[in-house]
């Protein structure tokens, strides 16, 4: 199982719309509103890293209202 976290910066006032869009993505297992440098964080889980990165690049980053993302991939060591 591959796990990643995406830190998201949104346009001012777009937080709720972006959160609603994240709820529609199959591999987003949870998301939280944040206070501070980032506006949202999303937890993504998939069977493999290929699927995980594809979801981030093709489904999350294009969401209207997102200005910037930072992705953190979990590692099993």
PDB file of N, CA and C in Angstrom:
ATOM      1  N   UNK A   1       0.852  -1.177   0.000  1.00  0.00           N
ATOM      2  CA  UNK A   1       0.000   0.000   0.000  1.00  0.00           C
ATOM      3  C   UNK A   1       0.897   1.240   0.000  1.00  0.00           C
ATOM      4  N   UNK A   2       0.627   2.150  -0.884  1.00  0.00           N
ATOM      5  CA  UNK A   2       1.363   3.410  -0.965  1.00  0.00           C
ATOM      6  C   UNK A   2       0.522   4.509  -0.323  1.00  0.00           C
ATOM      7  N   UNK A   3       1.181   5.341   0.478  1.00  0.00           N
ATOM      8  CA  UNK A   3       0.493   6.431   1.166  1.00  0.00           C
ATOM      9  C   UNK A   3       1.219   7.735   0.900  1.00  0.00           C
ATOM     10  N   UNK A   4       0.440   8.774   0.662  1.00  0.00           N
ATOM     11  CA  UNK A   4       1.006  10.099   0.456  1.00  0.00           C
ATOM     12  C   UNK A   4       0.136  11.155   1.110  1.00  0.00           C
ATOM     13  N   UNK A   5       0.744  12.279   1.394  1.00  0.00           N
ATOM     14  CA  UNK A   5       0.026  13.435   1.929  1.00  0.00           C
ATOM     15  C   UNK A   5       0.297  14.603   0.997  1.00  0.00           C
ATOM     16  N   UNK A   6      -0.753  15.335   0.658  1.00  0.00           N
ATOM     17  CA  UNK A   6      -0.609  16.495  -0.212  1.00  0.00           C
ATOM     18  C   UNK A   6      -0.997  17.734   0.584  1.00  0.00           C
ATOM     19  N   UNK A   7      -0.027  18.623   0.771  1.00  0.00           N
ATOM     20  CA  UNK A   7      -0.275  19.916   1.401  1.00  0.00           C
ATOM     21  C   UNK A   7      -0.729  20.865   0.306  1.00  0.00           C
ATOM     22  N   UNK A   8      -1.842  21.545   0.529  1.00  0.00           N
ATOM     23  CA  UNK A   8      -2.479  22.324  -0.531  1.00  0.00           C
ATOM     24  C   UNK A   8      -2.641  23.777  -0.116  1.00  0.00           C
ATOM     25  N   UNK A   9      -2.248  24.671  -1.020  1.00  0.00           N
ATOM     26  CA  UNK A   9      -2.507  26.102  -0.875  1.00  0.00           C
ATOM     27  C   UNK A   9      -3.587  26.457  -1.894  1.00  0.00           C
ATOM     28  N   UNK A  10      -4.629  27.148  -1.428  1.00  0.00           N
ATOM     29  CA  UNK A  10      -5.743  27.501  -2.303  1.00  0.00           C
ATOM     30  C   UNK A  10      -5.816  29.006  -2.513  1.00  0.00           C
ATOM     31  N   UNK A  11      -6.575  29.392  -3.521  1.00  0.00           N
ATOM     32  CA  UNK A  11      -6.916  30.799  -3.682  1.00  0.00           C
ATOM     33  C   UNK A  11      -7.785  31.188  -2.489  1.00  0.00           C
ATOM     34  N   UNK A  12      -7.665  32.423  -2.005  1.00  0.00           N
ATOM     35  CA  UNK A  12      -8.503  32.848  -0.877  1.00  0.00           C
ATOM     36  C   UNK A  12      -9.985  32.620  -1.182  1.00  0.00           C
ATOM     37  N   UNK A  13     -10.667  31.993  -0.242  1.00  0.00           N
ATOM     38  CA  UNK A  13     -12.091  31.729  -0.383  1.00  0.00           C
ATOM     39  C   UNK A  13     -12.435  30.443  -1.113  1.00  0.00           C
ATOM     40  N   UNK A  14     -11.429  29.707  -1.601  1.00  0.00           N
ATOM     41  CA  UNK A  14     -11.683  28.473  -2.369  1.00  0.00           C
ATOM     42  C   UNK A  14     -11.553  27.206  -1.531  1.00  0.00           C
ATOM     43  N   UNK A  15     -11.254  27.349  -0.264  1.00  0.00           N
ATOM     44  CA  UNK A  15     -10.971  26.180   0.577  1.00  0.00           C
ATOM     45  C   UNK A  15     -12.111  25.158   0.564  1.00  0.00           C
ATOM     46  N   UNK A  16     -13.336  25.614   0.738  1.00  0.00           N
ATOM     47  CA  UNK A  16     -14.472  24.686   0.818  1.00  0.00           C
ATOM     48  C   UNK A  16     -14.732  23.986  -0.520  1.00  0.00           C
ATOM     49  N   UNK A  17     -14.581  24.710  -1.633  1.00  0.00           N
ATOM     50  CA  UNK A  17     -14.774  24.104  -2.948  1.00  0.00           C
ATOM     51  C   UNK A  17     -13.703  23.052  -3.223  1.00  0.00           C
ATOM     52  N   UNK A  18     -12.468  23.345  -2.858  1.00  0.00           N
ATOM     53  CA  UNK A  18     -11.382  22.377  -3.055  1.00  0.00           C
ATOM     54  C   UNK A  18     -11.629  21.158  -2.179  1.00  0.00           C
ATOM     55  N   UNK A  19     -12.044  21.371  -0.941  1.00  0.00           N
ATOM     56  CA  UNK A  19     -12.333  20.246  -0.042  1.00  0.00           C
ATOM     57  C   UNK A  19     -13.439  19.361  -0.620  1.00  0.00           C
ATOM     58  N   UNK A  20     -14.470  19.973  -1.175  1.00  0.00           N
ATOM     59  CA  UNK A  20     -15.560  19.204  -1.797  1.00  0.00           C
ATOM     60  C   UNK A  20     -15.061  18.405  -2.997  1.00  0.00           C
ATOM     61  N   UNK A  21     -14.171  18.988  -3.778  1.00  0.00           N
ATOM     62  CA  UNK A  21     -13.598  18.281  -4.929  1.00  0.00           C
ATOM     63  C   UNK A  21     -12.755  17.094  -4.478  1.00  0.00           C
ATOM     64  N   UNK A  22     -12.007  17.262  -3.394  1.00  0.00           N
ATOM     65  CA  UNK A  22     -11.198  16.162  -2.869  1.00  0.00           C
ATOM     66  C   UNK A  22     -12.076  15.000  -2.423  1.00  0.00           C
ATOM     67  N   UNK A  23     -13.252  15.297  -1.889  1.00  0.00           N
ATOM     68  CA  UNK A  23     -14.161  14.247  -1.415  1.00  0.00           C
ATOM     69  C   UNK A  23     -14.628  13.336  -2.549  1.00  0.00           C
ATOM     70  N   UNK A  24     -14.552  13.789  -3.772  1.00  0.00           N
ATOM     71  CA  UNK A  24     -15.015  13.015  -4.924  1.00  0.00           C
ATOM     72  C   UNK A  24     -13.926  12.123  -5.523  1.00  0.00           C
ATOM     73  N   UNK A  25     -12.702  12.225  -5.022  1.00  0.00           N
ATOM     74  CA  UNK A  25     -11.584  11.448  -5.567  1.00  0.00           C
ATOM     75  C   UNK A  25     -11.449  10.149  -4.778  1.00  0.00           C
ATOM     76  N   UNK A  26     -11.502   9.043  -5.505  1.00  0.00           N
ATOM     77  CA  UNK A  26     -11.539   7.713  -4.891  1.00  0.00           C
ATOM     78  C   UNK A  26     -10.408   7.457  -3.890  1.00  0.00           C
ATOM     79  N   UNK A  27      -9.194   7.808  -4.232  1.00  0.00           N
ATOM     80  CA  UNK A  27      -8.047   7.443  -3.399  1.00  0.00           C
ATOM     81  C   UNK A  27      -7.757   8.443  -2.265  1.00  0.00           C
ATOM     82  N   UNK A  28      -8.506   9.519  -2.194  1.00  0.00           N
ATOM     83  CA  UNK A  28      -8.366  10.444  -1.058  1.00  0.00           C
ATOM     84  C   UNK A  28      -9.149   9.837   0.095  1.00  0.00           C
ATOM     85  N   UNK A  29      -8.422   9.383   1.117  1.00  0.00           N
ATOM     86  CA  UNK A  29      -9.077   8.693   2.231  1.00  0.00           C
ATOM     87  C   UNK A  29      -9.433   9.639   3.373  1.00  0.00           C
ATOM     88  N   UNK A  30      -8.825  10.810   3.394  1.00  0.00           N
ATOM     89  CA  UNK A  30      -9.167  11.813   4.402  1.00  0.00           C
ATOM     90  C   UNK A  30      -8.586  13.146   3.978  1.00  0.00           C
ATOM     91  N   UNK A  31      -9.155  14.210   4.518  1.00  0.00           N
ATOM     92  CA  UNK A  31      -8.635  15.549   4.254  1.00  0.00           C
ATOM     93  C   UNK A  31      -9.015  16.433   5.421  1.00  0.00           C
ATOM     94  N   UNK A  32      -8.156  17.413   5.703  1.00  0.00           N
ATOM     95  CA  UNK A  32      -8.367  18.313   6.825  1.00  0.00           C
ATOM     96  C   UNK A  32      -8.075  19.748   6.403  1.00  0.00           C
ATOM     97  N   UNK A  33      -8.849  20.673   6.923  1.00  0.00           N
ATOM     98  CA  UNK A  33      -8.563  22.092   6.760  1.00  0.00           C
ATOM     99  C   UNK A  33      -7.421  22.410   7.728  1.00  0.00           C
ATOM    100  N   UNK A  34      -6.546  23.331   7.343  1.00  0.00           N
ATOM    101  CA  UNK A  34      -5.407  23.704   8.175  1.00  0.00           C
ATOM    102  C   UNK A  34      -5.384  25.208   8.401  1.00  0.00           C
ATOM    103  N   UNK A  35      -4.712  25.609   9.458  1.00  0.00           N
ATOM    104  CA  UNK A  35      -4.401  27.010   9.696  1.00  0.00           C
ATOM    105  C   UNK A  35      -2.882  27.125   9.619  1.00  0.00           C
ATOM    106  N   UNK A  36      -2.396  28.114   8.917  1.00  0.00           N
ATOM    107  CA  UNK A  36      -0.949  28.281   8.795  1.00  0.00           C
ATOM    108  C   UNK A  36      -0.543  28.421   7.353  1.00  0.00           C
ATOM    109  N   UNK A  37       0.617  27.873   7.019  1.00  0.00           N
ATOM    110  CA  UNK A  37       1.188  28.028   5.685  1.00  0.00           C
ATOM    111  C   UNK A  37       0.333  27.369   4.603  1.00  0.00           C
ATOM    112  N   UNK A  38      -0.345  26.265   4.920  1.00  0.00           N
ATOM    113  CA  UNK A  38      -1.174  25.538   3.966  1.00  0.00           C
ATOM    114  C   UNK A  38      -2.629  25.606   4.395  1.00  0.00           C
ATOM    115  N   UNK A  39      -3.522  25.436   3.426  1.00  0.00           N
ATOM    116  CA  UNK A  39      -4.952  25.530   3.694  1.00  0.00           C
ATOM    117  C   UNK A  39      -5.610  24.176   3.918  1.00  0.00           C
ATOM    118  N   UNK A  40      -5.097  23.137   3.270  1.00  0.00           N
ATOM    119  CA  UNK A  40      -5.655  21.791   3.372  1.00  0.00           C
ATOM    120  C   UNK A  40      -4.532  20.767   3.328  1.00  0.00           C
ATOM    121  N   UNK A  41      -4.807  19.601   3.890  1.00  0.00           N
ATOM    122  CA  UNK A  41      -3.937  18.442   3.716  1.00  0.00           C
ATOM    123  C   UNK A  41      -4.833  17.270   3.354  1.00  0.00           C
ATOM    124  N   UNK A  42      -4.404  16.485   2.367  1.00  0.00           N
ATOM    125  CA  UNK A  42      -5.159  15.317   1.935  1.00  0.00           C
ATOM    126  C   UNK A  42      -4.292  14.076   2.078  1.00  0.00           C
ATOM    127  N   UNK A  43      -4.887  13.020   2.600  1.00  0.00           N
ATOM    128  CA  UNK A  43      -4.203  11.730   2.696  1.00  0.00           C
ATOM    129  C   UNK A  43      -4.685  10.860   1.545  1.00  0.00           C
ATOM    130  N   UNK A  44      -3.735  10.327   0.787  1.00  0.00           N
ATOM    131  CA  UNK A  44      -4.047   9.504  -0.372  1.00  0.00           C
ATOM    132  C   UNK A  44      -3.463   8.114  -0.158  1.00  0.00           C
ATOM    133  N   UNK A  45      -4.256   7.088  -0.468  1.00  0.00           N
ATOM    134  CA  UNK A  45      -3.762   5.713  -0.402  1.00  0.00           C
ATOM    135  C   UNK A  45      -4.107   4.996  -1.697  1.00  0.00           C
ATOM    136  N   UNK A  46      -3.153   4.212  -2.176  1.00  0.00           N
ATOM    137  CA  UNK A  46      -3.337   3.428  -3.393  1.00  0.00           C
ATOM    138  C   UNK A  46      -2.532   2.138  -3.263  1.00  0.00           C
ATOM    139  N   UNK A  47      -2.793   1.225  -4.178  1.00  0.00           N
ATOM    140  CA  UNK A  47      -2.092  -0.061  -4.134  1.00  0.00           C
ATOM    141  C   UNK A  47      -0.609   0.061  -4.452  1.00  0.00           C
ATOM    142  N   UNK A  48      -0.234   1.076  -5.245  1.00  0.00           N
ATOM    143  CA  UNK A  48       1.170   1.228  -5.638  1.00  0.00           C
ATOM    144  C   UNK A  48       1.485   2.710  -5.839  1.00  0.00           C
ATOM    145  N   UNK A  49       2.778   3.013  -5.895  1.00  0.00           N
ATOM    146  CA  UNK A  49       3.207   4.408  -6.042  1.00  0.00           C
ATOM    147  C   UNK A  49       2.823   4.995  -7.395  1.00  0.00           C
ATOM    148  N   UNK A  50       2.748   4.180  -8.420  1.00  0.00           N
ATOM    149  CA  UNK A  50       2.342   4.675  -9.734  1.00  0.00           C
ATOM    150  C   UNK A  50       0.928   5.260  -9.667  1.00  0.00           C
ATOM    151  N   UNK A  51       0.009   4.502  -9.103  1.00  0.00           N
ATOM    152  CA  UNK A  51      -1.375   4.968  -8.975  1.00  0.00           C
ATOM    153  C   UNK A  51      -1.440   6.188  -8.077  1.00  0.00           C
ATOM    154  N   UNK A  52      -0.693   6.168  -7.002  1.00  0.00           N
ATOM    155  CA  UNK A  52      -0.675   7.294  -6.065  1.00  0.00           C
ATOM    156  C   UNK A  52      -0.235   8.578  -6.763  1.00  0.00           C
ATOM    157  N   UNK A  53       0.860   8.527  -7.472  1.00  0.00           N
ATOM    158  CA  UNK A  53       1.351   9.738  -8.139  1.00  0.00           C
ATOM    159  C   UNK A  53       0.434  10.156  -9.284  1.00  0.00           C
ATOM    160  N   UNK A  54      -0.181   9.205  -9.958  1.00  0.00           N
ATOM    161  CA  UNK A  54      -1.121   9.529 -11.034  1.00  0.00           C
ATOM    162  C   UNK A  54      -2.325  10.290 -10.481  1.00  0.00           C
ATOM    163  N   UNK A  55      -2.841   9.865  -9.343  1.00  0.00           N
ATOM    164  CA  UNK A  55      -3.966  10.562  -8.704  1.00  0.00           C
ATOM    165  C   UNK A  55      -3.565  11.993  -8.346  1.00  0.00           C
ATOM    166  N   UNK A  56      -2.378  12.157  -7.796  1.00  0.00           N
ATOM    167  CA  UNK A  56      -1.920  13.487  -7.392  1.00  0.00           C
ATOM    168  C   UNK A  56      -1.764  14.395  -8.609  1.00  0.00           C
ATOM    169  N   UNK A  57      -1.098  13.909  -9.643  1.00  0.00           N
ATOM    170  CA  UNK A  57      -0.805  14.737 -10.815  1.00  0.00           C
ATOM    171  C   UNK A  57      -2.047  14.974 -11.679  1.00  0.00           C
ATOM    172  N   UNK A  58      -2.864  13.947 -11.869  1.00  0.00           N
ATOM    173  CA  UNK A  58      -3.970  14.062 -12.818  1.00  0.00           C
ATOM    174  C   UNK A  58      -5.311  14.433 -12.199  1.00  0.00           C
ATOM    175  N   UNK A  59      -5.488  14.194 -10.888  1.00  0.00           N
ATOM    176  CA  UNK A  59      -6.787  14.460 -10.288  1.00  0.00           C
ATOM    177  C   UNK A  59      -6.774  15.570  -9.231  1.00  0.00           C
ATOM    178  N   UNK A  60      -5.698  15.671  -8.476  1.00  0.00           N
ATOM    179  CA  UNK A  60      -5.672  16.673  -7.402  1.00  0.00           C
ATOM    180  C   UNK A  60      -5.125  18.008  -7.897  1.00  0.00           C
ATOM    181  N   UNK A  61      -3.948  18.009  -8.487  1.00  0.00           N
ATOM    182  CA  UNK A  61      -3.329  19.278  -8.895  1.00  0.00           C
ATOM    183  C   UNK A  61      -4.177  20.113  -9.852  1.00  0.00           C
ATOM    184  N   UNK A  62      -4.965  19.510 -10.756  1.00  0.00           N
ATOM    185  CA  UNK A  62      -5.781  20.336 -11.666  1.00  0.00           C
ATOM    186  C   UNK A  62      -7.045  20.943 -11.036  1.00  0.00           C
ATOM    187  N   UNK A  63      -7.350  20.631  -9.783  1.00  0.00           N
ATOM    188  CA  UNK A  63      -8.576  21.146  -9.168  1.00  0.00           C
ATOM    189  C   UNK A  63      -8.557  22.671  -9.188  1.00  0.00           C
ATOM    190  N   UNK A  64      -9.658  23.240  -9.661  1.00  0.00           N
ATOM    191  CA  UNK A  64      -9.806  24.691  -9.698  1.00  0.00           C
ATOM    192  C   UNK A  64      -9.748  25.249  -8.281  1.00  0.00           C
ATOM    193  N   UNK A  65      -8.960  26.280  -8.090  1.00  0.00           N
ATOM    194  CA  UNK A  65      -8.810  26.894  -6.773  1.00  0.00           C
ATOM    195  C   UNK A  65      -7.511  26.539  -6.081  1.00  0.00           C
ATOM    196  N   UNK A  66      -6.816  25.508  -6.581  1.00  0.00           N
ATOM    197  CA  UNK A  66      -5.526  25.141  -5.996  1.00  0.00           C
ATOM    198  C   UNK A  66      -4.442  26.002  -6.635  1.00  0.00           C
ATOM    199  N   UNK A  67      -3.638  26.634  -5.783  1.00  0.00           N
ATOM    200  CA  UNK A  67      -2.540  27.481  -6.237  1.00  0.00           C
ATOM    201  C   UNK A  67      -1.222  26.707  -6.234  1.00  0.00           C
ATOM    202  N   UNK A  68      -1.025  25.862  -5.206  1.00  0.00           N
ATOM    203  CA  UNK A  68       0.242  25.156  -5.064  1.00  0.00           C
ATOM    204  C   UNK A  68       0.025  23.904  -4.232  1.00  0.00           C
ATOM    205  N   UNK A  69       0.865  22.890  -4.468  1.00  0.00           N
ATOM    206  CA  UNK A  69       0.837  21.674  -3.661  1.00  0.00           C
ATOM    207  C   UNK A  69       2.254  21.274  -3.281  1.00  0.00           C
ATOM    208  N   UNK A  70       2.348  20.547  -2.198  1.00  0.00           N
ATOM    209  CA  UNK A  70       3.612  19.927  -1.786  1.00  0.00           C
ATOM    210  C   UNK A  70       3.249  18.503  -1.392  1.00  0.00           C
ATOM    211  N   UNK A  71       3.915  17.531  -1.994  1.00  0.00           N
ATOM    212  CA  UNK A  71       3.584  16.138  -1.771  1.00  0.00           C
ATOM    213  C   UNK A  71       4.637  15.451  -0.899  1.00  0.00           C
ATOM    214  N   UNK A  72       4.157  14.695   0.067  1.00  0.00           N
ATOM    215  CA  UNK A  72       5.009  13.919   0.946  1.00  0.00           C
ATOM    216  C   UNK A  72       4.615  12.447   0.770  1.00  0.00           C
ATOM    217  N   UNK A  73       5.566  11.607   0.378  1.00  0.00           N
ATOM    218  CA  UNK A  73       5.295  10.179   0.206  1.00  0.00           C
ATOM    219  C   UNK A  73       5.784   9.414   1.421  1.00  0.00           C
ATOM    220  N   UNK A  74       4.945   8.527   1.911  1.00  0.00           N
ATOM    221  CA  UNK A  74       5.324   7.690   3.041  1.00  0.00           C
ATOM    222  C   UNK A  74       6.238   6.575   2.568  1.00  0.00           C
ATOM    223  N   UNK A  75       7.169   6.185   3.434  1.00  0.00           N
ATOM    224  CA  UNK A  75       8.103   5.117   3.104  1.00  0.00           C
ATOM    225  C   UNK A  75       8.049   4.030   4.166  1.00  0.00           C
ATOM    226  N   UNK A  76       8.046   2.802   3.709  1.00  0.00           N
ATOM    227  CA  UNK A  76       8.109   1.673   4.634  1.00  0.00           C
ATOM    228  C   UNK A  76       9.558   1.222   4.697  1.00  0.00           C
ATOM    229  N   UNK A  77      10.201   1.502   5.816  1.00  0.00           N
ATOM    230  CA  UNK A  77      11.615   1.170   5.973  1.00  0.00           C
ATOM    231  C   UNK A  77      11.755   0.087   7.010  1.00  0.00           C
TER     232      UNK A  77
END
